[in-house]
Structures are given as structure tokens and as C-alpha cells.
Amino acid sequence: MAPSRLWAAFGLSLLFTGGPFGIRAADAQSVCNGGSSCTVVVSLQLARPYVASLVLSQSVTSLPTLTSSDFATGFRDQAGPQLRVKANAPYRVTIQAAVSTWQYSGTAAPPSKPSSDLLWSGSASGPWTSSASSATLWPLAATSAAATAGVTIPLFYRTLWNWTTSPPGAYTIPVNLTLTSP
């Protein structure tokens, strides 16, 4: 074998065997013999992980000051954040209050306002679902949505208010929005 072909065969064998990416020349094809060109077959293995992104248009939703008509109807509706999802596999977004009662600060005794007083919907007109237990926000009528390069999901909140059990003060409740691959 000519020295240049010997070096080429040795170089290809060294370059394509082992290594951190699992590249390996097929043993029977790692040496070129004769001719003016050689083809060496290699394999590259990579485990494709689940990759997803959930971005919110805002992390805090503030209600306007409540009015007597809010207490008369028993609720106040408010647009929440827009969720932007990207996922390279089927996915779903779930929602649930992170605590069982609203956090309260004010001069009255804490009212123990339950998390079920926060309802959510994917539409401004409902239907409304309690945030007390985990539920699928998206997709609305299936167990998972197809992979996407970007979809915007609306979120709306309805808070329940009562004349006798909602004293003046500041109310806060954290909400978990979870993006998963089913």
C-alpha cells in the first residue's frame, strides 16, 4: 500500500472510531484499498430530548378595584396572561392554584378564602373551571396538542366575591401553569 493511502486509512480509522458522540466507522469499511476514492460509512447517534418552552405575557394579573356590582353578581372577570408554547412533541398545559386558600393581608381576621374562588377559562365567555384541582387548560378538547413552533393560548380569570366573607384587604393566590409531554 502506498504511504499516502496507508495514512488515509489510518487517519479515517482514528478519526471515526469512538469519541463522545458515539461516531464509529464500520470495521469492515474503515480501510480504503485501491481506486481513486474511498467511502467510509459512519453513524451518529443522538438521543432527542423533549424540548419545550412556556412564556407568559405577564406574571401578575391585577384586578381593578371591585365595585358593588361585582359583589352583587358575586364575581369579577379579568383577562389573564397570554401563554406562548413551543414544543417538539405532543404537549398539554395544566393549571391549578398552588395553595388551598388565598393569601390575605388586611385589618380583618383572615377570611380563609378558598382557592375554588378562583375560576379560569380559555375564553372570556367561559365555561369556567375551579382552580382548586389540576385541570387541562390546553388543548381544550383533547388529551394533548401536536408539536408546535409556537401557539398562543389565552387565559381568563373569574374571581368570586361575597359581601359577608370577603373583607377589605389585599388578596393574592399563586397559580401553577405546567407544560408537560403526556
N, C-alpha and C. Protein backbone atom coordinates (compact mmCIF):
# COMPACT_ATOMS: atom_id res chain seq x y z
N MET A 1 0.87 -1.18 0.00
CA MET A 1 0.00 0.00 0.00
C MET A 1 0.91 1.22 0.00
N ALA A 2 0.55 2.21 -0.79
CA ALA A 2 1.34 3.44 -0.87
C ALA A 2 1.23 4.19 0.45
N PRO A 3 2.28 4.94 0.85
CA PRO A 3 2.25 5.65 2.14
C PRO A 3 1.05 6.59 2.27
N SER A 4 0.63 7.30 1.22
CA SER A 4 -0.50 8.23 1.34
C SER A 4 -1.81 7.48 1.59
N ARG A 5 -1.97 6.30 0.96
CA ARG A 5 -3.18 5.51 1.20
C ARG A 5 -3.16 4.90 2.60
N LEU A 6 -2.01 4.49 3.05
CA LEU A 6 -1.88 3.93 4.39
C LEU A 6 -2.24 5.00 5.42
N TRP A 7 -1.74 6.21 5.27
CA TRP A 7 -2.05 7.31 6.19
C TRP A 7 -3.54 7.63 6.14
N ALA A 8 -4.12 7.67 4.94
CA ALA A 8 -5.54 7.96 4.80
C ALA A 8 -6.36 6.89 5.52
N ALA A 9 -6.01 5.63 5.34
CA ALA A 9 -6.76 4.55 6.00
C ALA A 9 -6.60 4.65 7.51
N PHE A 10 -5.40 4.89 8.02
CA PHE A 10 -5.15 5.01 9.44
C PHE A 10 -5.87 6.25 10.00
N GLY A 11 -5.81 7.38 9.28
CA GLY A 11 -6.44 8.61 9.73
C GLY A 11 -7.95 8.48 9.81
N LEU A 12 -8.59 7.88 8.82
CA LEU A 12 -10.03 7.68 8.86
C LEU A 12 -10.43 6.77 10.01
N SER A 13 -9.69 5.73 10.22
CA SER A 13 -10.00 4.80 11.29
C SER A 13 -9.89 5.50 12.65
N LEU A 14 -8.90 6.34 12.85
CA LEU A 14 -8.69 7.03 14.11
C LEU A 14 -9.74 8.13 14.30
N LEU A 15 -10.06 8.84 13.22
CA LEU A 15 -10.99 9.95 13.30
C LEU A 15 -12.41 9.49 13.60
N PHE A 16 -12.82 8.36 13.06
CA PHE A 16 -14.21 7.95 13.17
C PHE A 16 -14.47 6.81 14.14
N THR A 17 -13.56 6.48 14.99
CA THR A 17 -13.85 5.43 15.96
C THR A 17 -13.92 6.02 17.35
N GLY A 18 -14.93 5.59 18.11
CA GLY A 18 -15.09 6.03 19.50
C GLY A 18 -15.48 7.49 19.59
N GLY A 19 -15.11 8.14 20.68
CA GLY A 19 -15.38 9.56 20.88
C GLY A 19 -16.66 9.78 21.66
N PRO A 20 -16.90 11.02 22.11
CA PRO A 20 -18.04 11.30 22.98
C PRO A 20 -19.39 11.24 22.27
N PHE A 21 -19.43 11.29 20.94
CA PHE A 21 -20.71 11.29 20.23
C PHE A 21 -21.08 9.91 19.71
N GLY A 22 -20.29 8.93 19.99
CA GLY A 22 -20.60 7.58 19.55
C GLY A 22 -20.40 7.38 18.06
N ILE A 23 -19.55 8.18 17.42
CA ILE A 23 -19.29 8.01 15.99
C ILE A 23 -18.32 6.85 15.85
N ARG A 24 -18.64 5.93 14.94
CA ARG A 24 -17.79 4.75 14.79
C ARG A 24 -17.87 4.27 13.34
N ALA A 25 -16.75 4.09 12.73
CA ALA A 25 -16.74 3.54 11.38
C ALA A 25 -17.03 2.05 11.45
N ALA A 26 -17.75 1.55 10.47
CA ALA A 26 -17.98 0.12 10.40
C ALA A 26 -16.62 -0.54 10.17
N ASP A 27 -16.27 -1.52 11.00
CA ASP A 27 -14.93 -2.12 10.94
C ASP A 27 -14.58 -2.63 9.55
N ALA A 28 -15.53 -3.21 8.86
CA ALA A 28 -15.22 -3.77 7.54
C ALA A 28 -15.00 -2.69 6.49
N GLN A 29 -15.38 -1.47 6.78
CA GLN A 29 -15.28 -0.41 5.79
C GLN A 29 -14.32 0.69 6.21
N SER A 30 -13.45 0.48 7.20
CA SER A 30 -12.59 1.54 7.69
C SER A 30 -11.26 1.64 6.95
N VAL A 31 -11.05 0.82 5.97
CA VAL A 31 -9.80 0.85 5.21
C VAL A 31 -10.14 0.97 3.73
N CYS A 32 -9.46 1.87 3.04
CA CYS A 32 -9.62 2.02 1.60
C CYS A 32 -8.52 1.23 0.91
N ASN A 33 -8.87 0.44 -0.05
CA ASN A 33 -7.89 -0.33 -0.82
C ASN A 33 -8.09 -0.04 -2.30
N GLY A 34 -7.10 0.56 -2.90
CA GLY A 34 -7.12 0.78 -4.35
C GLY A 34 -8.12 1.84 -4.76
N GLY A 35 -8.11 2.12 -6.03
CA GLY A 35 -9.04 3.09 -6.59
C GLY A 35 -8.63 4.52 -6.26
N SER A 36 -9.38 5.46 -6.83
CA SER A 36 -9.04 6.87 -6.64
C SER A 36 -9.94 7.53 -5.60
N SER A 37 -10.93 6.81 -5.03
CA SER A 37 -11.76 7.39 -3.98
C SER A 37 -12.17 6.31 -3.00
N CYS A 38 -12.56 6.73 -1.83
CA CYS A 38 -13.00 5.81 -0.78
C CYS A 38 -14.27 6.35 -0.15
N THR A 39 -15.12 5.44 0.29
CA THR A 39 -16.30 5.83 1.06
C THR A 39 -16.24 5.08 2.37
N VAL A 40 -16.36 5.81 3.45
CA VAL A 40 -16.37 5.22 4.77
C VAL A 40 -17.74 5.52 5.38
N VAL A 41 -18.42 4.50 5.86
CA VAL A 41 -19.75 4.66 6.45
C VAL A 41 -19.58 4.91 7.94
N VAL A 42 -20.21 5.96 8.43
CA VAL A 42 -20.17 6.27 9.87
C VAL A 42 -21.61 6.43 10.36
N SER A 43 -21.78 6.31 11.65
CA SER A 43 -23.09 6.52 12.28
C SER A 43 -22.95 7.59 13.35
N LEU A 44 -23.96 8.39 13.50
CA LEU A 44 -24.02 9.39 14.56
C LEU A 44 -25.29 9.11 15.35
N GLN A 45 -25.14 8.91 16.63
CA GLN A 45 -26.30 8.64 17.47
C GLN A 45 -26.52 9.81 18.41
N LEU A 46 -27.77 10.20 18.55
CA LEU A 46 -28.12 11.29 19.44
C LEU A 46 -29.51 11.00 19.99
N ALA A 47 -29.65 11.06 21.29
CA ALA A 47 -30.97 10.91 21.90
C ALA A 47 -31.66 12.27 21.84
N ARG A 48 -32.83 12.33 21.21
CA ARG A 48 -33.58 13.57 21.08
C ARG A 48 -34.40 13.77 22.34
N PRO A 49 -34.08 14.79 23.13
CA PRO A 49 -34.85 15.02 24.35
C PRO A 49 -36.15 15.77 24.04
N TYR A 50 -37.06 15.75 25.00
CA TYR A 50 -38.26 16.58 24.91
C TYR A 50 -37.82 18.01 25.21
N VAL A 51 -38.10 18.92 24.30
CA VAL A 51 -37.74 20.32 24.48
C VAL A 51 -39.02 21.15 24.35
N ALA A 52 -39.26 21.99 25.35
CA ALA A 52 -40.48 22.79 25.34
C ALA A 52 -40.21 24.13 26.00
N SER A 53 -41.05 25.10 25.67
CA SER A 53 -40.92 26.44 26.22
C SER A 53 -42.30 26.99 26.53
N LEU A 54 -42.45 27.59 27.70
CA LEU A 54 -43.69 28.24 28.11
C LEU A 54 -43.33 29.64 28.55
N VAL A 55 -43.84 30.64 27.83
CA VAL A 55 -43.54 32.04 28.13
C VAL A 55 -44.87 32.75 28.37
N LEU A 56 -44.93 33.54 29.45
CA LEU A 56 -46.15 34.28 29.78
C LEU A 56 -45.99 35.74 29.39
N SER A 57 -47.08 36.35 28.96
CA SER A 57 -47.05 37.78 28.62
C SER A 57 -46.93 38.64 29.87
N GLN A 58 -47.34 38.11 31.01
CA GLN A 58 -47.24 38.81 32.30
C GLN A 58 -47.24 37.77 33.40
N SER A 59 -46.55 38.06 34.49
CA SER A 59 -46.51 37.09 35.58
C SER A 59 -47.50 37.44 36.69
N VAL A 60 -48.03 38.65 36.68
CA VAL A 60 -49.01 39.07 37.68
C VAL A 60 -50.23 39.63 36.96
N THR A 61 -51.41 39.20 37.39
CA THR A 61 -52.66 39.76 36.88
C THR A 61 -53.31 40.51 38.03
N SER A 62 -53.54 41.79 37.85
CA SER A 62 -54.16 42.62 38.89
C SER A 62 -55.59 42.92 38.50
N LEU A 63 -56.48 42.75 39.46
CA LEU A 63 -57.88 43.10 39.24
C LEU A 63 -58.07 44.59 39.48
N PRO A 64 -58.95 45.19 38.70
CA PRO A 64 -59.33 46.58 39.01
C PRO A 64 -60.05 46.59 40.37
N THR A 65 -60.21 47.76 40.94
CA THR A 65 -60.92 47.88 42.21
C THR A 65 -62.32 47.31 42.07
N LEU A 66 -62.68 46.47 43.02
CA LEU A 66 -64.02 45.87 43.00
C LEU A 66 -65.08 46.92 43.27
N THR A 67 -66.26 46.70 42.70
CA THR A 67 -67.38 47.62 42.88
C THR A 67 -68.55 46.87 43.52
N SER A 68 -69.56 47.61 43.88
CA SER A 68 -70.74 46.97 44.49
C SER A 68 -71.40 46.02 43.48
N SER A 69 -71.32 46.32 42.18
CA SER A 69 -71.93 45.41 41.20
C SER A 69 -71.17 44.09 41.13
N ASP A 70 -69.84 44.10 41.40
CA ASP A 70 -69.09 42.84 41.45
C ASP A 70 -69.58 41.97 42.61
N PHE A 71 -69.85 42.60 43.76
CA PHE A 71 -70.37 41.85 44.90
C PHE A 71 -71.81 41.41 44.65
N ALA A 72 -72.58 42.24 43.95
CA ALA A 72 -73.98 41.88 43.64
C ALA A 72 -74.03 40.68 42.70
N THR A 73 -73.15 40.62 41.69
CA THR A 73 -73.14 39.47 40.78
C THR A 73 -72.37 38.29 41.38
N GLY A 74 -71.50 38.59 42.35
CA GLY A 74 -70.75 37.54 43.02
C GLY A 74 -69.43 37.19 42.36
N PHE A 75 -69.05 37.94 41.31
CA PHE A 75 -67.78 37.63 40.64
C PHE A 75 -67.25 38.84 39.88
N ARG A 76 -65.98 38.74 39.51
CA ARG A 76 -65.32 39.74 38.64
C ARG A 76 -64.46 38.98 37.65
N ASP A 77 -64.62 39.27 36.36
CA ASP A 77 -63.83 38.64 35.30
C ASP A 77 -62.64 39.53 34.93
N GLN A 78 -61.55 38.89 34.57
CA GLN A 78 -60.35 39.63 34.19
C GLN A 78 -59.52 38.78 33.23
N ALA A 79 -59.03 39.41 32.17
CA ALA A 79 -58.12 38.71 31.27
C ALA A 79 -56.82 38.43 32.01
N GLY A 80 -56.31 37.23 31.85
CA GLY A 80 -55.04 36.85 32.45
C GLY A 80 -53.93 36.97 31.42
N PRO A 81 -52.85 36.28 31.64
CA PRO A 81 -51.73 36.36 30.69
C PRO A 81 -52.02 35.56 29.42
N GLN A 82 -51.29 35.87 28.38
CA GLN A 82 -51.27 35.05 27.18
C GLN A 82 -50.10 34.09 27.36
N LEU A 83 -50.31 32.82 27.08
CA LEU A 83 -49.25 31.82 27.18
C LEU A 83 -48.72 31.54 25.78
N ARG A 84 -47.43 31.51 25.62
CA ARG A 84 -46.80 31.18 24.33
C ARG A 84 -46.07 29.87 24.52
N VAL A 85 -46.47 28.83 23.76
CA VAL A 85 -45.91 27.49 23.90
C VAL A 85 -45.17 27.09 22.64
N LYS A 86 -44.00 26.48 22.84
CA LYS A 86 -43.26 25.81 21.77
C LYS A 86 -42.90 24.43 22.31
N ALA A 87 -43.08 23.40 21.50
CA ALA A 87 -42.77 22.04 21.94
C ALA A 87 -42.45 21.17 20.73
N ASN A 88 -41.45 20.31 20.87
CA ASN A 88 -41.07 19.44 19.76
C ASN A 88 -41.74 18.07 19.82
N ALA A 89 -42.76 17.94 20.64
CA ALA A 89 -43.53 16.70 20.78
C ALA A 89 -44.93 17.08 21.27
N PRO A 90 -45.87 16.16 21.26
CA PRO A 90 -47.18 16.47 21.81
C PRO A 90 -47.04 17.01 23.24
N TYR A 91 -47.95 17.89 23.62
CA TYR A 91 -47.85 18.55 24.92
C TYR A 91 -49.25 18.88 25.43
N ARG A 92 -49.29 19.32 26.68
CA ARG A 92 -50.50 19.90 27.24
C ARG A 92 -50.09 20.88 28.33
N VAL A 93 -50.98 21.81 28.62
CA VAL A 93 -50.76 22.80 29.67
C VAL A 93 -51.85 22.59 30.72
N THR A 94 -51.43 22.43 31.98
CA THR A 94 -52.39 22.28 33.06
C THR A 94 -52.30 23.51 33.97
N ILE A 95 -53.37 23.71 34.73
CA ILE A 95 -53.46 24.86 35.63
C ILE A 95 -54.03 24.40 36.96
N GLN A 96 -53.50 24.98 38.05
CA GLN A 96 -54.01 24.69 39.38
C GLN A 96 -53.49 25.74 40.35
N ALA A 97 -54.32 26.13 41.29
CA ALA A 97 -53.87 27.03 42.35
C ALA A 97 -52.75 26.32 43.13
N ALA A 98 -51.71 27.07 43.49
CA ALA A 98 -50.57 26.47 44.19
C ALA A 98 -50.82 26.28 45.68
N VAL A 99 -51.86 26.91 46.20
CA VAL A 99 -52.22 26.81 47.62
C VAL A 99 -53.72 26.61 47.73
N SER A 100 -54.17 26.16 48.90
CA SER A 100 -55.60 25.87 49.05
C SER A 100 -56.43 27.09 49.43
N THR A 101 -55.79 28.12 49.99
CA THR A 101 -56.51 29.36 50.32
C THR A 101 -55.72 30.57 49.83
N TRP A 102 -56.46 31.64 49.56
CA TRP A 102 -55.84 32.90 49.14
C TRP A 102 -55.02 33.46 50.30
N GLN A 103 -53.94 34.10 49.98
CA GLN A 103 -53.17 34.83 50.99
C GLN A 103 -53.87 36.17 51.19
N TYR A 104 -54.01 36.59 52.44
CA TYR A 104 -54.76 37.80 52.76
C TYR A 104 -53.93 38.68 53.67
N SER A 105 -53.96 39.97 53.40
CA SER A 105 -53.42 40.93 54.36
C SER A 105 -54.41 42.07 54.46
N GLY A 106 -54.77 42.38 55.67
CA GLY A 106 -55.76 43.42 55.92
C GLY A 106 -56.02 43.52 57.40
N THR A 107 -56.98 44.34 57.79
CA THR A 107 -57.25 44.56 59.20
C THR A 107 -58.24 43.55 59.77
N ALA A 108 -58.98 42.86 58.94
CA ALA A 108 -59.95 41.87 59.41
C ALA A 108 -59.26 40.54 59.69
N ALA A 109 -59.96 39.67 60.37
CA ALA A 109 -59.44 38.31 60.56
C ALA A 109 -59.34 37.65 59.19
N PRO A 110 -58.27 36.87 58.95
CA PRO A 110 -58.12 36.23 57.64
C PRO A 110 -59.38 35.43 57.28
N PRO A 111 -59.92 35.66 56.10
CA PRO A 111 -61.20 35.05 55.74
C PRO A 111 -61.11 33.60 55.27
N SER A 112 -59.93 33.03 55.11
CA SER A 112 -59.77 31.66 54.60
C SER A 112 -60.50 31.50 53.28
N LYS A 113 -60.28 32.44 52.38
CA LYS A 113 -60.92 32.40 51.05
C LYS A 113 -60.34 31.20 50.30
N PRO A 114 -61.17 30.23 49.88
CA PRO A 114 -60.66 29.02 49.25
C PRO A 114 -60.17 29.27 47.81
N SER A 115 -59.24 28.44 47.38
CA SER A 115 -58.74 28.56 46.00
C SER A 115 -59.84 28.31 44.98
N SER A 116 -60.89 27.63 45.38
CA SER A 116 -62.02 27.40 44.46
C SER A 116 -62.74 28.70 44.11
N ASP A 117 -62.42 29.81 44.81
CA ASP A 117 -62.98 31.11 44.46
C ASP A 117 -62.24 31.75 43.28
N LEU A 118 -61.26 31.04 42.75
CA LEU A 118 -60.60 31.47 41.51
C LEU A 118 -60.98 30.46 40.43
N LEU A 119 -61.66 30.95 39.42
CA LEU A 119 -62.03 30.12 38.28
C LEU A 119 -61.22 30.57 37.08
N TRP A 120 -61.07 29.70 36.10
CA TRP A 120 -60.30 30.04 34.90
C TRP A 120 -61.03 29.53 33.67
N SER A 121 -60.66 30.09 32.52
CA SER A 121 -61.22 29.67 31.24
C SER A 121 -60.25 30.02 30.13
N GLY A 122 -60.37 29.32 29.02
CA GLY A 122 -59.60 29.65 27.82
C GLY A 122 -60.35 30.64 26.94
N SER A 123 -61.52 31.09 27.42
CA SER A 123 -62.36 32.02 26.66
C SER A 123 -62.97 33.03 27.63
N ALA A 124 -63.13 34.26 27.18
CA ALA A 124 -63.71 35.30 28.03
C ALA A 124 -65.15 34.99 28.43
N SER A 125 -65.83 34.15 27.66
CA SER A 125 -67.23 33.83 27.96
C SER A 125 -67.40 32.49 28.68
N GLY A 126 -66.29 31.86 29.09
CA GLY A 126 -66.37 30.58 29.78
C GLY A 126 -66.35 29.42 28.80
N PRO A 127 -66.61 28.22 29.25
CA PRO A 127 -67.03 27.82 30.59
C PRO A 127 -65.90 28.00 31.60
N TRP A 128 -66.28 28.12 32.87
CA TRP A 128 -65.34 28.39 33.96
C TRP A 128 -65.06 27.12 34.76
N THR A 129 -63.80 26.94 35.13
CA THR A 129 -63.37 25.76 35.88
C THR A 129 -62.65 26.20 37.15
N SER A 130 -62.90 25.50 38.25
CA SER A 130 -62.25 25.83 39.52
C SER A 130 -60.75 25.55 39.44
N SER A 131 -59.98 26.41 40.07
CA SER A 131 -58.52 26.21 40.11
C SER A 131 -58.10 25.37 41.31
N ALA A 132 -59.06 24.87 42.09
CA ALA A 132 -58.74 24.10 43.29
C ALA A 132 -58.05 22.77 42.97
N SER A 133 -58.32 22.21 41.80
CA SER A 133 -57.65 20.97 41.41
C SER A 133 -57.09 21.12 40.01
N SER A 134 -56.10 20.30 39.68
CA SER A 134 -55.42 20.41 38.39
C SER A 134 -56.37 20.04 37.25
N ALA A 135 -56.31 20.83 36.21
CA ALA A 135 -57.14 20.58 35.03
C ALA A 135 -56.36 21.01 33.79
N THR A 136 -56.71 20.46 32.65
CA THR A 136 -56.03 20.80 31.41
C THR A 136 -56.58 22.10 30.86
N LEU A 137 -55.69 23.07 30.70
CA LEU A 137 -56.04 24.36 30.10
C LEU A 137 -56.00 24.26 28.58
N TRP A 138 -54.99 23.54 28.06
CA TRP A 138 -54.80 23.42 26.61
C TRP A 138 -54.23 22.06 26.31
N PRO A 139 -54.70 21.37 25.31
CA PRO A 139 -55.78 21.72 24.38
C PRO A 139 -57.13 21.56 25.05
N LEU A 140 -58.11 22.25 24.54
CA LEU A 140 -59.42 22.30 25.18
C LEU A 140 -60.18 20.98 25.12
N ALA A 141 -60.07 20.25 24.01
CA ALA A 141 -60.92 19.06 23.84
C ALA A 141 -60.12 17.80 23.52
N ALA A 142 -58.88 17.72 23.92
CA ALA A 142 -58.09 16.53 23.62
C ALA A 142 -57.11 16.29 24.78
N THR A 143 -56.46 15.14 24.76
CA THR A 143 -55.51 14.84 25.82
C THR A 143 -54.15 15.48 25.59
N SER A 144 -53.84 15.82 24.33
CA SER A 144 -52.58 16.51 24.04
C SER A 144 -52.71 17.25 22.72
N ALA A 145 -51.87 18.26 22.58
CA ALA A 145 -51.80 19.03 21.33
C ALA A 145 -50.57 18.57 20.57
N ALA A 146 -50.57 18.75 19.26
CA ALA A 146 -49.42 18.36 18.43
C ALA A 146 -48.24 19.29 18.68
N ALA A 147 -47.05 18.81 18.38
CA ALA A 147 -45.85 19.63 18.47
C ALA A 147 -46.08 20.95 17.74
N THR A 148 -45.46 22.02 18.24
CA THR A 148 -45.70 23.33 17.64
C THR A 148 -44.45 24.20 17.70
N ALA A 149 -44.29 25.04 16.68
CA ALA A 149 -43.21 26.03 16.67
C ALA A 149 -43.66 27.30 17.38
N GLY A 150 -44.89 27.32 17.84
CA GLY A 150 -45.39 28.46 18.60
C GLY A 150 -46.89 28.60 18.50
N VAL A 151 -47.56 28.55 19.64
CA VAL A 151 -49.00 28.76 19.70
C VAL A 151 -49.26 29.68 20.90
N THR A 152 -50.22 30.59 20.73
CA THR A 152 -50.60 31.49 21.81
C THR A 152 -51.91 31.00 22.41
N ILE A 153 -51.92 30.89 23.73
CA ILE A 153 -53.09 30.36 24.45
C ILE A 153 -53.60 31.46 25.38
N PRO A 154 -54.87 31.84 25.25
CA PRO A 154 -55.43 32.87 26.14
C PRO A 154 -55.83 32.26 27.49
N LEU A 155 -55.79 33.07 28.52
CA LEU A 155 -56.22 32.65 29.85
C LEU A 155 -57.05 33.78 30.46
N PHE A 156 -58.19 33.41 31.02
CA PHE A 156 -59.07 34.38 31.65
C PHE A 156 -59.39 33.89 33.06
N TYR A 157 -59.53 34.84 33.99
CA TYR A 157 -59.84 34.52 35.37
C TYR A 157 -61.21 35.07 35.74
N ARG A 158 -61.89 34.34 36.62
CA ARG A 158 -63.11 34.82 37.27
C ARG A 158 -62.90 34.64 38.77
N THR A 159 -62.96 35.72 39.52
CA THR A 159 -62.82 35.64 40.97
C THR A 159 -64.19 35.80 41.61
N LEU A 160 -64.46 34.99 42.61
CA LEU A 160 -65.76 35.02 43.30
C LEU A 160 -65.65 35.89 44.56
N TRP A 161 -66.69 36.73 44.78
CA TRP A 161 -66.69 37.66 45.90
C TRP A 161 -68.05 37.61 46.60
N ASN A 162 -68.01 37.80 47.93
CA ASN A 162 -69.20 37.70 48.74
C ASN A 162 -69.19 38.85 49.74
N TRP A 163 -70.36 39.49 49.93
CA TRP A 163 -70.45 40.63 50.84
C TRP A 163 -69.97 40.27 52.24
N THR A 164 -70.30 39.10 52.73
CA THR A 164 -70.03 38.79 54.15
C THR A 164 -68.73 38.02 54.39
N THR A 165 -68.15 37.43 53.34
CA THR A 165 -66.93 36.63 53.58
C THR A 165 -65.70 37.16 52.86
N SER A 166 -65.80 38.36 52.26
CA SER A 166 -64.66 38.95 51.55
C SER A 166 -64.36 40.34 52.11
N PRO A 167 -63.73 40.41 53.29
CA PRO A 167 -63.47 41.72 53.89
C PRO A 167 -62.44 42.52 53.09
N PRO A 168 -62.39 43.85 53.29
CA PRO A 168 -61.40 44.67 52.61
C PRO A 168 -59.98 44.20 52.95
N GLY A 169 -59.10 44.29 51.97
CA GLY A 169 -57.70 43.89 52.17
C GLY A 169 -57.10 43.48 50.83
N ALA A 170 -55.90 42.98 50.89
CA ALA A 170 -55.19 42.52 49.68
C ALA A 170 -55.27 41.00 49.62
N TYR A 171 -55.64 40.48 48.47
CA TYR A 171 -55.76 39.04 48.25
C TYR A 171 -54.78 38.63 47.15
N THR A 172 -54.07 37.53 47.39
CA THR A 172 -53.12 37.01 46.42
C THR A 172 -53.22 35.50 46.40
N ILE A 173 -53.12 34.93 45.20
CA ILE A 173 -53.08 33.47 45.09
C ILE A 173 -52.12 33.10 43.95
N PRO A 174 -51.11 32.29 44.26
CA PRO A 174 -50.22 31.83 43.18
C PRO A 174 -50.89 30.70 42.39
N VAL A 175 -50.63 30.69 41.11
CA VAL A 175 -51.22 29.70 40.21
C VAL A 175 -50.11 28.99 39.46
N ASN A 176 -50.16 27.66 39.43
CA ASN A 176 -49.18 26.87 38.67
C ASN A 176 -49.71 26.60 37.28
N LEU A 177 -48.92 26.99 36.28
CA LEU A 177 -49.18 26.63 34.89
C LEU A 177 -48.07 25.66 34.51
N THR A 178 -48.42 24.45 34.12
CA THR A 178 -47.42 23.41 33.88
C THR A 178 -47.52 22.89 32.46
N LEU A 179 -46.38 22.89 31.78
CA LEU A 179 -46.27 22.38 30.41
C LEU A 179 -45.63 21.00 30.48
N THR A 180 -46.32 19.99 29.97
CA THR A 180 -45.80 18.63 30.02
C THR A 180 -46.01 17.93 28.68
N SER A 181 -45.28 16.84 28.51
CA SER A 181 -45.48 15.95 27.38
C SER A 181 -46.17 14.70 27.91
N PRO A 182 -47.43 14.48 27.51
CA PRO A 182 -48.16 13.34 28.07
C PRO A 182 -47.57 12.00 27.68
